Amino acid sequence: MNDFIANLDVFWQAIGETLFMVFVSLIASGIIGIVLGVALTVTRPGHLLANRVVFTIVNVIVNIVRPIPFIIFVAAIQPLLLGVVGTTIGPTAAAFALSLGAAFAVARIVEQNLVAVDHGVLEAARAMGAHPLRIIVTVLIPEGLGPLILGFSFIFVGLVDMSAQAGLIGGGGLGDFAITYGSQRYNWPIVYITVAVIIVLVQLGQFAGNALARKALRR
C-alpha cells in the first residue's frame, strides 16, 4: 500500500486519462455509429430510402472492421494515427483509435434497435407527407431511443475495457497504471485497486444508462 500512496498522483492522472478516453470516444463513436446505423436501417430493402448498393457497401465495411480485436486494429491504423493525431501513443491517440473501433459496433447496435421500430408508425408519418429525413429524426430515432440508450450503456462498458487495453500500447489510463506500477513490479494491491476502480466506473455507467432508458421508455 505504501507504493500506491507514493504514486497517488499518477493514479489520479490515470483515472482522468481513462475518463477522457472513454467519454471522448463514446461521443465520437456515437455520432459516427448513429450515422452508419441509420444508413444501414433506412437503405435496406423495403425501408424509407431503400438502396441496395449503399446498404451492401456500408454492411460489408461494418462486417469487416467490427470483429477485428482492438489491439490489432490499433496496430493497423498507426499510419492514420500519425497522420491525424501526430503520434501513436498517449490518451489522445488512444481516444481516436477507440472512437473508430467502437463506431462500427455502435452502428450494429443502432441498426438492430431501429429495424425493430414498428413499420406502421413510419408509414403513417410518410402518409402525412413527412420527408424521409424528418421521419428519421422525429419518428424513427425517438421510437428506438430507449433500447438505443441501453445499447450505448453496453458500448460504455466496452470502451472502459478497451481503454484498459490501450494501456498495453502506451495509451495511458488505468490499464497502463495497473501494468506499469502493478503487475510489472509484482505489486498486486495496486492491480486490485485499479480493477476495483474500473468495476465502479462500469457500474456507474450502467446505472446511469438504465435510468435514462427507463425515462425514455416512459415518455
Protein backbone atom coordinates (compact mmCIF):
# COMPACT_ATOMS: atom_id res chain seq x y z
CA MET A 1 0.00 0.00 0.00
CA ASN A 2 2.93 2.35 0.59
CA ASP A 3 3.78 2.16 -3.12
CA PHE A 4 0.20 3.02 -4.00
CA ILE A 5 0.19 6.07 -1.72
CA ALA A 6 3.55 7.16 -3.17
CA ASN A 7 2.06 7.01 -6.67
CA LEU A 8 -1.31 8.52 -5.79
CA ASP A 9 -0.80 11.48 -8.13
CA VAL A 10 -0.14 9.12 -11.02
CA PHE A 11 -3.22 7.12 -10.05
CA TRP A 12 -5.49 10.19 -10.21
CA GLN A 13 -3.93 11.16 -13.53
CA ALA A 14 -4.63 7.64 -14.83
CA ILE A 15 -8.30 7.94 -13.82
CA GLY A 16 -8.51 11.28 -15.64
CA GLU A 17 -6.92 9.78 -18.75
CA THR A 18 -9.34 6.85 -18.71
CA LEU A 19 -12.36 9.14 -18.34
CA PHE A 20 -11.03 11.34 -21.17
CA MET A 21 -10.58 8.36 -23.49
CA VAL A 22 -13.95 6.83 -22.65
CA PHE A 23 -16.13 9.93 -22.90
CA VAL A 24 -14.44 11.40 -25.98
CA SER A 25 -14.67 8.06 -27.79
CA LEU A 26 -18.26 7.50 -26.57
CA ILE A 27 -19.37 10.80 -28.11
CA ALA A 28 -17.34 10.44 -31.31
CA SER A 29 -18.19 6.78 -31.90
CA GLY A 30 -21.81 7.54 -31.05
CA ILE A 31 -22.05 10.18 -33.76
CA ILE A 32 -20.30 8.06 -36.38
CA GLY A 33 -22.15 4.91 -35.33
CA ILE A 34 -25.57 6.56 -35.44
CA VAL A 35 -24.91 7.81 -38.97
CA LEU A 36 -23.77 4.36 -40.11
CA GLY A 37 -26.55 2.58 -38.19
CA VAL A 38 -29.26 4.82 -39.61
CA ALA A 39 -27.80 4.31 -43.10
CA LEU A 40 -27.89 0.53 -42.60
CA THR A 41 -31.51 0.76 -41.45
CA VAL A 42 -33.10 3.10 -43.97
CA THR A 43 -31.25 1.82 -47.08
CA ARG A 44 -32.13 -1.82 -46.51
CA PRO A 45 -34.71 -3.31 -48.94
CA GLY A 46 -38.25 -2.13 -48.23
CA HIS A 47 -37.27 0.72 -45.91
CA LEU A 48 -37.53 4.51 -46.21
CA LEU A 49 -34.58 5.05 -48.55
CA ALA A 50 -34.04 1.56 -49.91
CA ASN A 51 -30.77 1.41 -51.83
CA ARG A 52 -29.17 -1.98 -52.25
CA VAL A 53 -25.78 -0.60 -53.33
CA VAL A 54 -25.37 1.76 -50.36
CA PHE A 55 -26.67 -0.86 -47.94
CA THR A 56 -24.27 -3.51 -49.26
CA ILE A 57 -21.22 -1.20 -49.12
CA VAL A 58 -21.90 0.00 -45.57
CA ASN A 59 -22.82 -3.50 -44.40
CA VAL A 60 -19.61 -5.01 -45.79
CA ILE A 61 -17.43 -2.29 -44.23
CA VAL A 62 -19.04 -2.79 -40.82
CA ASN A 63 -18.71 -6.57 -41.09
CA ILE A 64 -15.02 -6.28 -41.95
CA VAL A 65 -13.99 -3.84 -39.23
CA ARG A 66 -16.22 -4.80 -36.29
CA PRO A 67 -14.70 -8.26 -35.49
CA ILE A 68 -11.07 -7.04 -35.52
CA PRO A 69 -9.55 -7.21 -31.99
CA PHE A 70 -8.81 -3.73 -30.67
CA ILE A 71 -5.06 -4.30 -30.24
CA ILE A 72 -4.72 -5.45 -33.86
CA PHE A 73 -6.98 -2.63 -35.03
CA VAL A 74 -4.74 -0.03 -33.38
CA ALA A 75 -1.66 -1.57 -34.98
CA ALA A 76 -3.35 -1.47 -38.38
CA ILE A 77 -4.32 2.21 -38.17
CA GLN A 78 -1.00 3.53 -36.84
CA PRO A 79 -0.24 5.38 -40.11
CA LEU A 80 -3.65 7.05 -39.80
CA LEU A 81 -2.94 7.95 -36.16
CA LEU A 82 0.37 9.53 -37.17
CA GLY A 83 -1.30 11.50 -39.91
CA VAL A 84 -4.26 12.75 -37.88
CA VAL A 85 -3.04 12.90 -34.27
CA GLY A 86 0.71 13.08 -34.90
CA THR A 87 1.53 10.22 -32.53
CA THR A 88 0.59 6.60 -31.88
CA ILE A 89 0.81 6.78 -28.08
CA GLY A 90 -0.95 8.73 -25.37
CA PRO A 91 -4.61 9.26 -24.42
CA THR A 92 -5.44 11.39 -27.47
CA ALA A 93 -4.22 8.75 -29.93
CA ALA A 94 -5.99 6.06 -27.91
CA ALA A 95 -9.24 8.08 -27.88
CA PHE A 96 -9.06 8.45 -31.68
CA ALA A 97 -8.50 4.71 -32.12
CA LEU A 98 -11.28 3.89 -29.64
CA SER A 99 -13.67 6.19 -31.48
CA LEU A 100 -13.07 4.46 -34.81
CA GLY A 101 -13.06 0.96 -33.38
CA ALA A 102 -16.26 1.40 -31.39
CA ALA A 103 -18.15 3.25 -34.15
CA PHE A 104 -18.77 0.04 -36.07
CA ALA A 105 -20.11 -1.76 -33.00
CA VAL A 106 -22.38 1.23 -32.35
CA ALA A 107 -23.57 1.04 -35.96
CA ARG A 108 -24.77 -2.54 -35.47
CA ILE A 109 -26.48 -1.71 -32.18
CA VAL A 110 -28.25 1.26 -33.78
CA GLU A 111 -29.31 -0.84 -36.76
CA GLN A 112 -30.64 -3.70 -34.61
CA ASN A 113 -32.75 -1.35 -32.50
CA LEU A 114 -34.07 0.85 -35.30
CA VAL A 115 -35.01 -2.11 -37.51
CA ALA A 116 -37.30 -3.24 -34.69
CA VAL A 117 -39.30 0.02 -34.79
CA ASP A 118 -42.89 -0.60 -35.93
CA HIS A 119 -43.06 -0.04 -39.68
CA GLY A 120 -46.65 1.12 -39.33
CA VAL A 121 -45.55 4.22 -37.42
CA LEU A 122 -43.12 5.12 -40.20
CA GLU A 123 -45.74 4.54 -42.90
CA ALA A 124 -48.22 6.73 -41.02
CA ALA A 125 -45.69 9.56 -40.94
CA ARG A 126 -44.97 9.05 -44.63
CA ALA A 127 -48.70 9.08 -45.45
CA MET A 128 -48.95 12.50 -43.79
CA GLY A 129 -46.36 13.79 -46.25
CA ALA A 130 -43.32 13.84 -43.94
CA HIS A 131 -39.94 13.89 -45.70
CA PRO A 132 -37.75 10.79 -45.04
CA LEU A 133 -35.17 12.88 -43.16
CA ARG A 134 -37.92 14.28 -40.94
CA ILE A 135 -39.24 10.77 -40.31
CA ILE A 136 -35.76 9.60 -39.31
CA VAL A 137 -35.20 12.48 -36.90
CA THR A 138 -38.68 12.84 -35.39
CA VAL A 139 -40.07 9.30 -35.58
CA LEU A 140 -37.51 6.55 -36.19
CA ILE A 141 -34.81 7.57 -33.70
CA PRO A 142 -37.21 8.70 -30.92
CA GLU A 143 -39.15 5.42 -31.22
CA GLY A 144 -35.97 3.43 -30.71
CA LEU A 145 -34.46 5.75 -28.10
CA GLY A 146 -34.90 3.56 -25.00
CA PRO A 147 -33.20 0.48 -26.46
CA LEU A 148 -30.55 2.74 -28.04
CA ILE A 149 -29.63 4.15 -24.63
CA LEU A 150 -29.25 0.61 -23.26
CA GLY A 151 -27.07 -0.17 -26.27
CA PHE A 152 -24.87 2.83 -25.53
CA SER A 153 -24.54 1.61 -21.93
CA PHE A 154 -23.13 -1.61 -23.36
CA ILE A 155 -20.74 0.42 -25.54
CA PHE A 156 -19.64 2.42 -22.48
CA VAL A 157 -18.68 -0.79 -20.70
CA GLY A 158 -16.82 -1.96 -23.80
CA LEU A 159 -14.95 1.34 -24.06
CA VAL A 160 -13.80 1.10 -20.44
CA ASP A 161 -12.45 -2.36 -21.25
CA MET A 162 -10.82 -1.15 -24.49
CA SER A 163 -9.27 1.86 -22.74
CA ALA A 164 -7.62 -0.54 -20.31
CA GLN A 165 -6.23 -2.49 -23.27
CA ALA A 166 -4.89 0.79 -24.63
CA GLY A 167 -2.52 0.80 -21.67
CA LEU A 168 -0.69 -2.11 -23.27
CA ILE A 169 0.24 0.07 -26.25
CA GLY A 170 1.13 3.29 -24.47
CA GLY A 171 -2.35 4.74 -24.30
CA GLY A 172 -2.10 5.70 -20.65
CA GLY A 173 -5.02 5.43 -18.24
CA LEU A 174 -5.80 2.82 -15.61
CA GLY A 175 -4.62 -0.08 -17.77
CA ASP A 176 -1.17 1.45 -18.12
CA PHE A 177 -1.11 2.26 -14.38
CA ALA A 178 -2.02 -1.32 -13.41
CA ILE A 179 0.67 -2.75 -15.69
CA THR A 180 3.48 -0.27 -15.02
CA TYR A 181 3.05 0.18 -11.27
CA GLY A 182 1.29 -3.08 -10.52
CA SER A 183 1.94 -6.29 -12.41
CA GLN A 184 5.42 -5.39 -13.71
CA ARG A 185 6.53 -4.71 -10.12
CA TYR A 186 4.56 -7.64 -8.67
CA ASN A 187 2.60 -5.12 -6.64
CA TRP A 188 -0.75 -6.88 -6.61
CA PRO A 189 -2.61 -4.42 -4.31
CA ILE A 190 -2.22 -1.75 -6.99
CA VAL A 191 -3.63 -4.15 -9.59
CA TYR A 192 -6.61 -4.99 -7.37
CA ILE A 193 -7.32 -1.35 -6.55
CA THR A 194 -7.24 -0.48 -10.23
CA VAL A 195 -9.62 -3.35 -11.04
CA ALA A 196 -11.96 -2.13 -8.29
CA VAL A 197 -11.99 1.40 -9.75
CA ILE A 198 -12.76 0.03 -13.23
CA ILE A 199 -15.65 -2.01 -11.79
CA VAL A 200 -17.03 1.11 -10.09
CA LEU A 201 -16.82 3.09 -13.35
CA VAL A 202 -18.64 0.33 -15.22
CA GLN A 203 -21.37 0.08 -12.57
CA LEU A 204 -21.91 3.85 -12.55
CA GLY A 205 -22.16 3.93 -16.34
CA GLN A 206 -24.59 1.01 -16.40
CA PHE A 207 -26.72 2.55 -13.63
CA ALA A 208 -26.91 5.88 -15.48
CA GLY A 209 -27.77 4.14 -18.75
CA ASN A 210 -30.54 2.08 -17.15
CA ALA A 211 -32.02 5.19 -15.51
CA LEU A 212 -32.02 7.17 -18.77
CA ALA A 213 -33.51 4.23 -20.68
CA ARG A 214 -36.37 3.92 -18.17
CA LYS A 215 -37.17 7.62 -18.61
CA ALA A 216 -37.09 7.29 -22.40
CA LEU A 217 -39.39 4.26 -22.34
CA ARG A 218 -41.92 6.02 -20.08
CA ARG A 219 -42.15 9.17 -22.19
